[in-house]
């Protein structure tokens, strides 16, 4: 029975009702020795407590897409076949353009918010990762007028723990974005959500760690190669962005800063810079790994500032300072747009990130030059500054102010 399935949820609801009714009916009717009656009553109490806790956990899990299946919950899942030393660029010296195309088999994904989402199991030829990837195609993709058109792509990253389905289910990405894509207010992005939790009980930190996992290569090489092989997707950084929340936000920023040859933009919601922000991160295990996977360090020490645009949203103490830090050291052509979210907006959860989906994708549409065929941001553009004006900050907090609008008001 699936952990996130309707059948399991309904079973727990029924058991919870039974657990409440049993004591009401049997408590005073039990017969036999006092010890046996006490034991039976104790079992009924434990049964009631257990079913209540299980039901609450499942409801919270389904709402926040924390664990996708029993293997993730129990810590028995392992999606790494091998983790060879792939070198600094994460390709192992393999010429990716020379690799033959591999056509994947896709099936309809199941679960809330997964309408028109397809899933495939990809064996990463470079990373050695074997895991699922969810893909959603924009409404324009199947129209005859677009049959020769190549579409931009946004890679969607979940937090830790987190399910690859989270963007479609808990964050309602398709429900929010599809109408805007039809109206031409948001670019028709292909949405791609790969599995992030690759090893049991730890966060990979989107890092390549020889002998353990090549998570960076999985996300920045194997997944884009699969998309390019199977869909009419734009090739190269101009048409690719990456977005994530929490640990996924950290990964989004890190991947874009580390690989400007693969991504043009990144969206981070409540992310962090230092991998130690997630205590179970493999990338935080040594000082060397922390430096190599810290986007602040990568940006500060880059010989040539990367041509990437970063959208960093967060609350005080939860992502905001990380974004400000990046903004302060960014040099053209790197741009950083910081969005301040007040504490009153909620905590570190889906309810906080869900309203940010549309503003983030509007920003991606503008920043990547995909609105009404505009050219992309100029290479010499200056970084987006953080607004301190009350009215502008209020708009940024709600996500209603575009970078251009904020710049005009300053």
Foldseek 3Di string as FASTA:
>chain_A
DWLLDPVVLVVLVVQLVVLVVVCVPCLVVDDDDPVVSVVVVVVSVVSNVVSVVSNVVSVVCQQFQQDGGPCQVVQNFAFAQFAACLPDVQQVPDDLVPDDFDAWDWDQDDDALRVQKIKTWDQQPRWRGTFMKIKHFAPCQPDPVCVLPAAFAEEEEEAHSHALCCCRHNLVLCVVCRVCCVVLLFPGYIYMRIHQPRGGPAGQLCDRDHGGGNSVCVPQPRVVSNCVSHGRHDFWALRYAYEYEESSLLVRLQSCQSCVRRHAEYEYHLYAFFPVSPVRHPLNPDPVSRLNSGSLNSQQPPPDHRNHEYEWEYEVVGTQVRQVSSCVRHAFPYAGHYAYAYPVQDDRGSSNCSLQSVLVSSQVCQQSCNRPNGHHDDRRDGYQDYDPDPVLNVCSNSSNDHSVNRVVVD
